[in-house]
Amino acid sequence: MERSEWIAISDCCTHYNIEISFVDSLQDYGLIEITRIQESKYIHEDRLPALERFIRLHYDLNINLEGIDVITQLVQQVEQLQHEIALLRSQFPR
């Protein structure tokens, strides 16, 4: 694991102007994964787009954490269905 792949939660919160408690709540809901390295909390850089999406949903659209959780599950279901449709189309060409 390269250290550059991990971004300190405190840096994210400062950059996005959000509370650390919001990020902790996202972790409690299982929406993001926070990793402890020594005494600090970090998020993997691959998860930043998801964090940004959650920030927009919560702060811009005033959607609570329960709503964000439901939206995330529905989006995952839609993506899975789209994948299945593409697979079926490849098996049964027109």
PDB file of N, CA and C in Angstrom:
ATOM      1  N   MET A   1       0.831  -1.181   0.000  1.00  0.00           N
ATOM      2  CA  MET A   1       0.000   0.000   0.000  1.00  0.00           C
ATOM      3  C   MET A   1       0.874   1.241   0.000  1.00  0.00           C
ATOM      4  N   GLU A   2       0.734   2.031  -1.014  1.00  0.00           N
ATOM      5  CA  GLU A   2       1.444   3.296  -1.024  1.00  0.00           C
ATOM      6  C   GLU A   2       0.667   4.303  -0.199  1.00  0.00           C
ATOM      7  N   ARG A   3       1.367   5.117   0.520  1.00  0.00           N
ATOM      8  CA  ARG A   3       0.720   6.116   1.374  1.00  0.00           C
ATOM      9  C   ARG A   3      -0.026   7.147   0.541  1.00  0.00           C
ATOM     10  N   SER A   4       0.413   7.411  -0.693  1.00  0.00           N
ATOM     11  CA  SER A   4      -0.230   8.420  -1.531  1.00  0.00           C
ATOM     12  C   SER A   4      -1.636   8.003  -1.948  1.00  0.00           C
ATOM     13  N   GLU A   5      -1.958   6.697  -1.842  1.00  0.00           N
ATOM     14  CA  GLU A   5      -3.293   6.229  -2.189  1.00  0.00           C
ATOM     15  C   GLU A   5      -4.307   6.555  -1.103  1.00  0.00           C
ATOM     16  N   TRP A   6      -3.856   6.941   0.050  1.00  0.00           N
ATOM     17  CA  TRP A   6      -4.719   7.211   1.185  1.00  0.00           C
ATOM     18  C   TRP A   6      -4.709   8.700   1.497  1.00  0.00           C
ATOM     19  N   ILE A   7      -5.875   9.227   1.790  1.00  0.00           N
ATOM     20  CA  ILE A   7      -6.011  10.655   2.078  1.00  0.00           C
ATOM     21  C   ILE A   7      -6.589  10.788   3.479  1.00  0.00           C
ATOM     22  N   ALA A   8      -5.988  11.648   4.267  1.00  0.00           N
ATOM     23  CA  ALA A   8      -6.444  11.840   5.644  1.00  0.00           C
ATOM     24  C   ALA A   8      -7.859  12.408   5.651  1.00  0.00           C
ATOM     25  N   ILE A   9      -8.693  11.851   6.510  1.00  0.00           N
ATOM     26  CA  ILE A   9     -10.069  12.327   6.642  1.00  0.00           C
ATOM     27  C   ILE A   9     -10.075  13.796   7.052  1.00  0.00           C
ATOM     28  N   SER A  10      -9.161  14.176   7.911  1.00  0.00           N
ATOM     29  CA  SER A  10      -9.103  15.578   8.341  1.00  0.00           C
ATOM     30  C   SER A  10      -8.830  16.501   7.159  1.00  0.00           C
ATOM     31  N   ASP A  11      -7.979  16.069   6.218  1.00  0.00           N
ATOM     32  CA  ASP A  11      -7.717  16.872   5.019  1.00  0.00           C
ATOM     33  C   ASP A  11      -8.956  16.956   4.131  1.00  0.00           C
ATOM     34  N   CYS A  12      -9.671  15.836   3.998  1.00  0.00           N
ATOM     35  CA  CYS A  12     -10.910  15.831   3.200  1.00  0.00           C
ATOM     36  C   CYS A  12     -11.931  16.787   3.795  1.00  0.00           C
ATOM     37  N   CYS A  13     -12.083  16.716   5.105  1.00  0.00           N
ATOM     38  CA  CYS A  13     -13.075  17.561   5.764  1.00  0.00           C
ATOM     39  C   CYS A  13     -12.728  19.036   5.620  1.00  0.00           C
ATOM     40  N   THR A  14     -11.465  19.352   5.707  1.00  0.00           N
ATOM     41  CA  THR A  14     -11.040  20.737   5.505  1.00  0.00           C
ATOM     42  C   THR A  14     -11.275  21.162   4.066  1.00  0.00           C
ATOM     43  N   HIS A  15     -10.908  20.317   3.122  1.00  0.00           N
ATOM     44  CA  HIS A  15     -11.059  20.639   1.701  1.00  0.00           C
ATOM     45  C   HIS A  15     -12.523  20.838   1.319  1.00  0.00           C
ATOM     46  N   TYR A  16     -13.394  19.943   1.789  1.00  0.00           N
ATOM     47  CA  TYR A  16     -14.811  20.001   1.418  1.00  0.00           C
ATOM     48  C   TYR A  16     -15.648  20.821   2.398  1.00  0.00           C
ATOM     49  N   ASN A  17     -15.022  21.314   3.454  1.00  0.00           N
ATOM     50  CA  ASN A  17     -15.703  22.115   4.468  1.00  0.00           C
ATOM     51  C   ASN A  17     -16.871  21.343   5.092  1.00  0.00           C
ATOM     52  N   ILE A  18     -16.582  20.137   5.558  1.00  0.00           N
ATOM     53  CA  ILE A  18     -17.589  19.293   6.196  1.00  0.00           C
ATOM     54  C   ILE A  18     -17.080  18.851   7.562  1.00  0.00           C
ATOM     55  N   GLU A  19     -17.989  18.346   8.371  1.00  0.00           N
ATOM     56  CA  GLU A  19     -17.645  17.864   9.705  1.00  0.00           C
ATOM     57  C   GLU A  19     -17.122  16.427   9.636  1.00  0.00           C
ATOM     58  N   ILE A  20     -16.187  16.114  10.498  1.00  0.00           N
ATOM     59  CA  ILE A  20     -15.679  14.747  10.580  1.00  0.00           C
ATOM     60  C   ILE A  20     -16.808  13.799  10.985  1.00  0.00           C
ATOM     61  N   SER A  21     -17.744  14.296  11.779  1.00  0.00           N
ATOM     62  CA  SER A  21     -18.860  13.447  12.220  1.00  0.00           C
ATOM     63  C   SER A  21     -19.703  12.971  11.037  1.00  0.00           C
ATOM     64  N   PHE A  22     -19.798  13.784   9.967  1.00  0.00           N
ATOM     65  CA  PHE A  22     -20.536  13.363   8.773  1.00  0.00           C
ATOM     66  C   PHE A  22     -19.849  12.156   8.137  1.00  0.00           C
ATOM     67  N   VAL A  23     -18.536  12.205   8.029  1.00  0.00           N
ATOM     68  CA  VAL A  23     -17.778  11.093   7.446  1.00  0.00           C
ATOM     69  C   VAL A  23     -17.892   9.860   8.344  1.00  0.00           C
ATOM     70  N   ASP A  24     -17.833  10.065   9.651  1.00  0.00           N
ATOM     71  CA  ASP A  24     -18.005   8.940  10.575  1.00  0.00           C
ATOM     72  C   ASP A  24     -19.389   8.311  10.414  1.00  0.00           C
ATOM     73  N   SER A  25     -20.408   9.141  10.225  1.00  0.00           N
ATOM     74  CA  SER A  25     -21.767   8.631  10.026  1.00  0.00           C
ATOM     75  C   SER A  25     -21.874   7.834   8.734  1.00  0.00           C
ATOM     76  N   LEU A  26     -21.205   8.304   7.685  1.00  0.00           N
ATOM     77  CA  LEU A  26     -21.200   7.552   6.427  1.00  0.00           C
ATOM     78  C   LEU A  26     -20.586   6.173   6.637  1.00  0.00           C
ATOM     79  N   GLN A  27     -19.534   6.123   7.436  1.00  0.00           N
ATOM     80  CA  GLN A  27     -18.913   4.831   7.732  1.00  0.00           C
ATOM     81  C   GLN A  27     -19.864   3.962   8.548  1.00  0.00           C
ATOM     82  N   ASP A  28     -20.562   4.553   9.509  1.00  0.00           N
ATOM     83  CA  ASP A  28     -21.507   3.790  10.328  1.00  0.00           C
ATOM     84  C   ASP A  28     -22.597   3.151   9.474  1.00  0.00           C
ATOM     85  N   TYR A  29     -23.014   3.837   8.412  1.00  0.00           N
ATOM     86  CA  TYR A  29     -24.024   3.307   7.501  1.00  0.00           C
ATOM     87  C   TYR A  29     -23.438   2.331   6.484  1.00  0.00           C
ATOM     88  N   GLY A  30     -22.113   2.178   6.485  1.00  0.00           N
ATOM     89  CA  GLY A  30     -21.471   1.264   5.550  1.00  0.00           C
ATOM     90  C   GLY A  30     -21.334   1.843   4.154  1.00  0.00           C
ATOM     91  N   LEU A  31     -21.437   3.163   4.037  1.00  0.00           N
ATOM     92  CA  LEU A  31     -21.369   3.807   2.727  1.00  0.00           C
ATOM     93  C   LEU A  31     -19.938   4.065   2.278  1.00  0.00           C
ATOM     94  N   ILE A  32     -19.041   4.260   3.226  1.00  0.00           N
ATOM     95  CA  ILE A  32     -17.623   4.413   2.898  1.00  0.00           C
ATOM     96  C   ILE A  32     -16.816   3.600   3.900  1.00  0.00           C
ATOM     97  N   GLU A  33     -15.590   3.327   3.520  1.00  0.00           N
ATOM     98  CA  GLU A  33     -14.697   2.587   4.406  1.00  0.00           C
ATOM     99  C   GLU A  33     -13.567   3.507   4.829  1.00  0.00           C
ATOM    100  N   ILE A  34     -13.403   3.618   6.125  1.00  0.00           N
ATOM    101  CA  ILE A  34     -12.325   4.423   6.689  1.00  0.00           C
ATOM    102  C   ILE A  34     -11.283   3.464   7.257  1.00  0.00           C
ATOM    103  N   THR A  35     -10.029   3.759   6.981  1.00  0.00           N
ATOM    104  CA  THR A  35      -8.932   2.924   7.460  1.00  0.00           C
ATOM    105  C   THR A  35      -8.097   3.718   8.448  1.00  0.00           C
ATOM    106  N   ARG A  36      -7.744   3.068   9.536  1.00  0.00           N
ATOM    107  CA  ARG A  36      -6.846   3.702  10.507  1.00  0.00           C
ATOM    108  C   ARG A  36      -5.413   3.312  10.173  1.00  0.00           C
ATOM    109  N   ILE A  37      -4.576   4.313  10.054  1.00  0.00           N
ATOM    110  CA  ILE A  37      -3.140   4.104   9.890  1.00  0.00           C
ATOM    111  C   ILE A  37      -2.496   4.869  11.032  1.00  0.00           C
ATOM    112  N   GLN A  38      -1.919   4.126  11.927  1.00  0.00           N
ATOM    113  CA  GLN A  38      -1.413   4.653  13.195  1.00  0.00           C
ATOM    114  C   GLN A  38      -2.595   5.281  13.936  1.00  0.00           C
ATOM    115  N   GLU A  39      -2.576   6.552  14.220  1.00  0.00           N
ATOM    116  CA  GLU A  39      -3.658   7.178  14.990  1.00  0.00           C
ATOM    117  C   GLU A  39      -4.593   8.023  14.137  1.00  0.00           C
ATOM    118  N   SER A  40      -4.395   8.032  12.827  1.00  0.00           N
ATOM    119  CA  SER A  40      -5.207   8.878  11.955  1.00  0.00           C
ATOM    120  C   SER A  40      -6.149   8.039  11.106  1.00  0.00           C
ATOM    121  N   LYS A  41      -7.248   8.669  10.678  1.00  0.00           N
ATOM    122  CA  LYS A  41      -8.221   8.012   9.808  1.00  0.00           C
ATOM    123  C   LYS A  41      -7.967   8.441   8.371  1.00  0.00           C
ATOM    124  N   TYR A  42      -8.097   7.474   7.448  1.00  0.00           N
ATOM    125  CA  TYR A  42      -7.838   7.730   6.037  1.00  0.00           C
ATOM    126  C   TYR A  42      -8.939   7.116   5.186  1.00  0.00           C
ATOM    127  N   ILE A  43      -9.109   7.696   4.002  1.00  0.00           N
ATOM    128  CA  ILE A  43     -10.003   7.152   2.997  1.00  0.00           C
ATOM    129  C   ILE A  43      -9.168   6.900   1.747  1.00  0.00           C
ATOM    130  N   HIS A  44      -9.467   5.829   1.049  1.00  0.00           N
ATOM    131  CA  HIS A  44      -8.731   5.521  -0.171  1.00  0.00           C
ATOM    132  C   HIS A  44      -9.151   6.502  -1.260  1.00  0.00           C
ATOM    133  N   GLU A  45      -8.198   6.921  -2.077  1.00  0.00           N
ATOM    134  CA  GLU A  45      -8.490   7.922  -3.110  1.00  0.00           C
ATOM    135  C   GLU A  45      -9.534   7.442  -4.113  1.00  0.00           C
ATOM    136  N   ASP A  46      -9.671   6.132  -4.293  1.00  0.00           N
ATOM    137  CA  ASP A  46     -10.690   5.599  -5.202  1.00  0.00           C
ATOM    138  C   ASP A  46     -12.105   5.871  -4.700  1.00  0.00           C
ATOM    139  N   ARG A  47     -12.254   6.110  -3.409  1.00  0.00           N
ATOM    140  CA  ARG A  47     -13.574   6.335  -2.812  1.00  0.00           C
ATOM    141  C   ARG A  47     -13.953   7.813  -2.764  1.00  0.00           C
ATOM    142  N   LEU A  48     -13.065   8.696  -3.204  1.00  0.00           N
ATOM    143  CA  LEU A  48     -13.371  10.127  -3.173  1.00  0.00           C
ATOM    144  C   LEU A  48     -14.584  10.504  -4.025  1.00  0.00           C
ATOM    145  N   PRO A  49     -14.752   9.937  -5.234  1.00  0.00           N
ATOM    146  CA  PRO A  49     -15.963  10.288  -5.995  1.00  0.00           C
ATOM    147  C   PRO A  49     -17.250   9.941  -5.241  1.00  0.00           C
ATOM    148  N   ALA A  50     -17.258   8.820  -4.546  1.00  0.00           N
ATOM    149  CA  ALA A  50     -18.437   8.451  -3.756  1.00  0.00           C
ATOM    150  C   ALA A  50     -18.627   9.437  -2.606  1.00  0.00           C
ATOM    151  N   LEU A  51     -17.544   9.794  -1.934  1.00  0.00           N
ATOM    152  CA  LEU A  51     -17.635  10.771  -0.850  1.00  0.00           C
ATOM    153  C   LEU A  51     -18.183  12.090  -1.369  1.00  0.00           C
ATOM    154  N   GLU A  52     -17.683  12.543  -2.514  1.00  0.00           N
ATOM    155  CA  GLU A  52     -18.175  13.794  -3.096  1.00  0.00           C
ATOM    156  C   GLU A  52     -19.665  13.701  -3.424  1.00  0.00           C
ATOM    157  N   ARG A  53     -20.099  12.552  -3.932  1.00  0.00           N
ATOM    158  CA  ARG A  53     -21.514  12.353  -4.247  1.00  0.00           C
ATOM    159  C   ARG A  53     -22.356  12.436  -2.970  1.00  0.00           C
ATOM    160  N   PHE A  54     -21.888  11.801  -1.899  1.00  0.00           N
ATOM    161  CA  PHE A  54     -22.615  11.833  -0.635  1.00  0.00           C
ATOM    162  C   PHE A  54     -22.671  13.253  -0.071  1.00  0.00           C
ATOM    163  N   ILE A  55     -21.591  13.999  -0.226  1.00  0.00           N
ATOM    164  CA  ILE A  55     -21.564  15.385   0.246  1.00  0.00           C
ATOM    165  C   ILE A  55     -22.600  16.209  -0.509  1.00  0.00           C
ATOM    166  N   ARG A  56     -22.654  16.055  -1.834  1.00  0.00           N
ATOM    167  CA  ARG A  56     -23.641  16.804  -2.630  1.00  0.00           C
ATOM    168  C   ARG A  56     -25.065  16.422  -2.245  1.00  0.00           C
ATOM    169  N   LEU A  57     -25.312  15.132  -2.095  1.00  0.00           N
ATOM    170  CA  LEU A  57     -26.657  14.693  -1.723  1.00  0.00           C
ATOM    171  C   LEU A  57     -27.074  15.272  -0.372  1.00  0.00           C
ATOM    172  N   HIS A  58     -26.169  15.255   0.571  1.00  0.00           N
ATOM    173  CA  HIS A  58     -26.501  15.693   1.927  1.00  0.00           C
ATOM    174  C   HIS A  58     -26.551  17.218   2.053  1.00  0.00           C
ATOM    175  N   TYR A  59     -25.518  17.885   1.604  1.00  0.00           N
ATOM    176  CA  TYR A  59     -25.424  19.325   1.833  1.00  0.00           C
ATOM    177  C   TYR A  59     -26.149  20.153   0.775  1.00  0.00           C
ATOM    178  N   ASP A  60     -26.139  19.722  -0.470  1.00  0.00           N
ATOM    179  CA  ASP A  60     -26.800  20.494  -1.525  1.00  0.00           C
ATOM    180  C   ASP A  60     -28.284  20.172  -1.637  1.00  0.00           C
ATOM    181  N   LEU A  61     -28.640  18.895  -1.449  1.00  0.00           N
ATOM    182  CA  LEU A  61     -30.036  18.476  -1.630  1.00  0.00           C
ATOM    183  C   LEU A  61     -30.743  18.168  -0.313  1.00  0.00           C
ATOM    184  N   ASN A  62     -30.028  18.333   0.797  1.00  0.00           N
ATOM    185  CA  ASN A  62     -30.593  18.110   2.135  1.00  0.00           C
ATOM    186  C   ASN A  62     -31.173  16.711   2.318  1.00  0.00           C
ATOM    187  N   ILE A  63     -30.506  15.717   1.782  1.00  0.00           N
ATOM    188  CA  ILE A  63     -30.941  14.333   1.935  1.00  0.00           C
ATOM    189  C   ILE A  63     -30.235  13.749   3.156  1.00  0.00           C
ATOM    190  N   ASN A  64     -31.025  13.143   4.039  1.00  0.00           N
ATOM    191  CA  ASN A  64     -30.434  12.584   5.255  1.00  0.00           C
ATOM    192  C   ASN A  64     -29.692  11.285   4.944  1.00  0.00           C
ATOM    193  N   LEU A  65     -29.013  10.766   5.948  1.00  0.00           N
ATOM    194  CA  LEU A  65     -28.176   9.585   5.739  1.00  0.00           C
ATOM    195  C   LEU A  65     -28.988   8.363   5.332  1.00  0.00           C
ATOM    196  N   GLU A  66     -30.190   8.232   5.873  1.00  0.00           N
ATOM    197  CA  GLU A  66     -31.041   7.113   5.478  1.00  0.00           C
ATOM    198  C   GLU A  66     -31.380   7.206   3.996  1.00  0.00           C
ATOM    199  N   GLY A  67     -31.680   8.421   3.542  1.00  0.00           N
ATOM    200  CA  GLY A  67     -31.979   8.638   2.125  1.00  0.00           C
ATOM    201  C   GLY A  67     -30.783   8.353   1.236  1.00  0.00           C
ATOM    202  N   ILE A  68     -29.609   8.769   1.681  1.00  0.00           N
ATOM    203  CA  ILE A  68     -28.389   8.506   0.917  1.00  0.00           C
ATOM    204  C   ILE A  68     -28.162   7.002   0.803  1.00  0.00           C
ATOM    205  N   ASP A  69     -28.415   6.289   1.887  1.00  0.00           N
ATOM    206  CA  ASP A  69     -28.252   4.835   1.880  1.00  0.00           C
ATOM    207  C   ASP A  69     -29.209   4.197   0.877  1.00  0.00           C
ATOM    208  N   VAL A  70     -30.467   4.619   0.879  1.00  0.00           N
ATOM    209  CA  VAL A  70     -31.461   4.073  -0.056  1.00  0.00           C
ATOM    210  C   VAL A  70     -31.087   4.410  -1.491  1.00  0.00           C
ATOM    211  N   ILE A  71     -30.699   5.651  -1.742  1.00  0.00           N
ATOM    212  CA  ILE A  71     -30.307   6.071  -3.093  1.00  0.00           C
ATOM    213  C   ILE A  71     -29.135   5.227  -3.586  1.00  0.00           C
ATOM    214  N   THR A  72     -28.156   5.019  -2.725  1.00  0.00           N
ATOM    215  CA  THR A  72     -26.981   4.231  -3.098  1.00  0.00           C
ATOM    216  C   THR A  72     -27.372   2.801  -3.453  1.00  0.00           C
ATOM    217  N   GLN A  73     -28.251   2.205  -2.658  1.00  0.00           N
ATOM    218  CA  GLN A  73     -28.696   0.840  -2.953  1.00  0.00           C
ATOM    219  C   GLN A  73     -29.462   0.780  -4.269  1.00  0.00           C
ATOM    220  N   LEU A  74     -30.322   1.766  -4.521  1.00  0.00           N
ATOM    221  CA  LEU A  74     -31.091   1.776  -5.767  1.00  0.00           C
ATOM    222  C   LEU A  74     -30.186   1.958  -6.980  1.00  0.00           C
ATOM    223  N   VAL A  75     -29.201   2.824  -6.872  1.00  0.00           N
ATOM    224  CA  VAL A  75     -28.263   3.030  -7.978  1.00  0.00           C
ATOM    225  C   VAL A  75     -27.495   1.739  -8.256  1.00  0.00           C
ATOM    226  N   GLN A  76     -27.082   1.043  -7.210  1.00  0.00           N
ATOM    227  CA  GLN A  76     -26.378  -0.231  -7.397  1.00  0.00           C
ATOM    228  C   GLN A  76     -27.275  -1.257  -8.079  1.00  0.00           C
ATOM    229  N   GLN A  77     -28.554  -1.285  -7.716  1.00  0.00           N
ATOM    230  CA  GLN A  77     -29.485  -2.214  -8.357  1.00  0.00           C
ATOM    231  C   GLN A  77     -29.671  -1.880  -9.830  1.00  0.00           C
ATOM    232  N   VAL A  78     -29.792  -0.592 -10.143  1.00  0.00           N
ATOM    233  CA  VAL A  78     -29.938  -0.172 -11.539  1.00  0.00           C
ATOM    234  C   VAL A  78     -28.704  -0.569 -12.335  1.00  0.00           C
ATOM    235  N   GLU A  79     -27.513  -0.332 -11.773  1.00  0.00           N
ATOM    236  CA  GLU A  79     -26.279  -0.702 -12.465  1.00  0.00           C
ATOM    237  C   GLU A  79     -26.206  -2.207 -12.687  1.00  0.00           C
ATOM    238  N   GLN A  80     -26.633  -2.989 -11.710  1.00  0.00           N
ATOM    239  CA  GLN A  80     -26.630  -4.444 -11.855  1.00  0.00           C
ATOM    240  C   GLN A  80     -27.608  -4.868 -12.950  1.00  0.00           C
ATOM    241  N   LEU A  81     -28.780  -4.276 -12.983  1.00  0.00           N
ATOM    242  CA  LEU A  81     -29.764  -4.604 -14.015  1.00  0.00           C
ATOM    243  C   LEU A  81     -29.271  -4.211 -15.404  1.00  0.00           C
ATOM    244  N   GLN A  82     -28.612  -3.066 -15.502  1.00  0.00           N
ATOM    245  CA  GLN A  82     -28.053  -2.652 -16.790  1.00  0.00           C
ATOM    246  C   GLN A  82     -26.997  -3.642 -17.261  1.00  0.00           C
ATOM    247  N   HIS A  83     -26.191  -4.127 -16.330  1.00  0.00           N
ATOM    248  CA  HIS A  83     -25.174  -5.131 -16.669  1.00  0.00           C
ATOM    249  C   HIS A  83     -25.837  -6.416 -17.158  1.00  0.00           C
ATOM    250  N   GLU A  84     -26.894  -6.838 -16.473  1.00  0.00           N
ATOM    251  CA  GLU A  84     -27.606  -8.049 -16.881  1.00  0.00           C
ATOM    252  C   GLU A  84     -28.246  -7.882 -18.258  1.00  0.00           C
ATOM    253  N   ILE A  85     -28.802  -6.718 -18.530  1.00  0.00           N
ATOM    254  CA  ILE A  85     -29.398  -6.455 -19.843  1.00  0.00           C
ATOM    255  C   ILE A  85     -28.336  -6.525 -20.928  1.00  0.00           C
ATOM    256  N   ALA A  86     -27.184  -5.914 -20.669  1.00  0.00           N
ATOM    257  CA  ALA A  86     -26.097  -5.958 -21.653  1.00  0.00           C
ATOM    258  C   ALA A  86     -25.640  -7.391 -21.890  1.00  0.00           C
ATOM    259  N   LEU A  87     -25.573  -8.177 -20.837  1.00  0.00           N
ATOM    260  CA  LEU A  87     -25.184  -9.579 -20.961  1.00  0.00           C
ATOM    261  C   LEU A  87     -26.207 -10.353 -21.787  1.00  0.00           C
ATOM    262  N   LEU A  88     -27.470 -10.146 -21.522  1.00  0.00           N
ATOM    263  CA  LEU A  88     -28.521 -10.828 -22.283  1.00  0.00           C
ATOM    264  C   LEU A  88     -28.518 -10.409 -23.749  1.00  0.00           C
ATOM    265  N   ARG A  89     -28.288  -9.136 -23.991  1.00  0.00           N
ATOM    266  CA  ARG A  89     -28.235  -8.662 -25.381  1.00  0.00           C
ATOM    267  C   ARG A  89     -27.070  -9.288 -26.130  1.00  0.00           C
ATOM    268  N   SER A  90     -25.964  -9.514 -25.436  1.00  0.00           N
ATOM    269  CA  SER A  90     -24.821 -10.132 -26.112  1.00  0.00           C
ATOM    270  C   SER A  90     -25.077 -11.617 -26.388  1.00  0.00           C
ATOM    271  N   GLN A  91     -25.897 -12.242 -25.569  1.00  0.00           N
ATOM    272  CA  GLN A  91     -26.214 -13.658 -25.768  1.00  0.00           C
ATOM    273  C   GLN A  91     -27.282 -13.865 -26.837  1.00  0.00           C
ATOM    274  N   PHE A  92     -28.146 -12.887 -26.989  1.00  0.00           N
ATOM    275  CA  PHE A  92     -29.242 -12.992 -27.953  1.00  0.00           C
ATOM    276  C   PHE A  92     -29.224 -11.796 -28.897  1.00  0.00           C
ATOM    277  N   PRO A  93     -28.300 -11.796 -29.853  1.00  0.00           N
ATOM    278  CA  PRO A  93     -28.240 -10.648 -30.777  1.00  0.00           C
ATOM    279  C   PRO A  93     -29.506 -10.578 -31.627  1.00  0.00           C
ATOM    280  N   ARG A  94     -29.814  -9.390 -32.047  1.00  0.00           N
ATOM    281  CA  ARG A  94     -31.026  -9.169 -32.849  1.00  0.00           C
ATOM    282  C   ARG A  94     -30.847  -9.614 -34.256  1.00  0.00           C
TER     283      ARG A  94
END
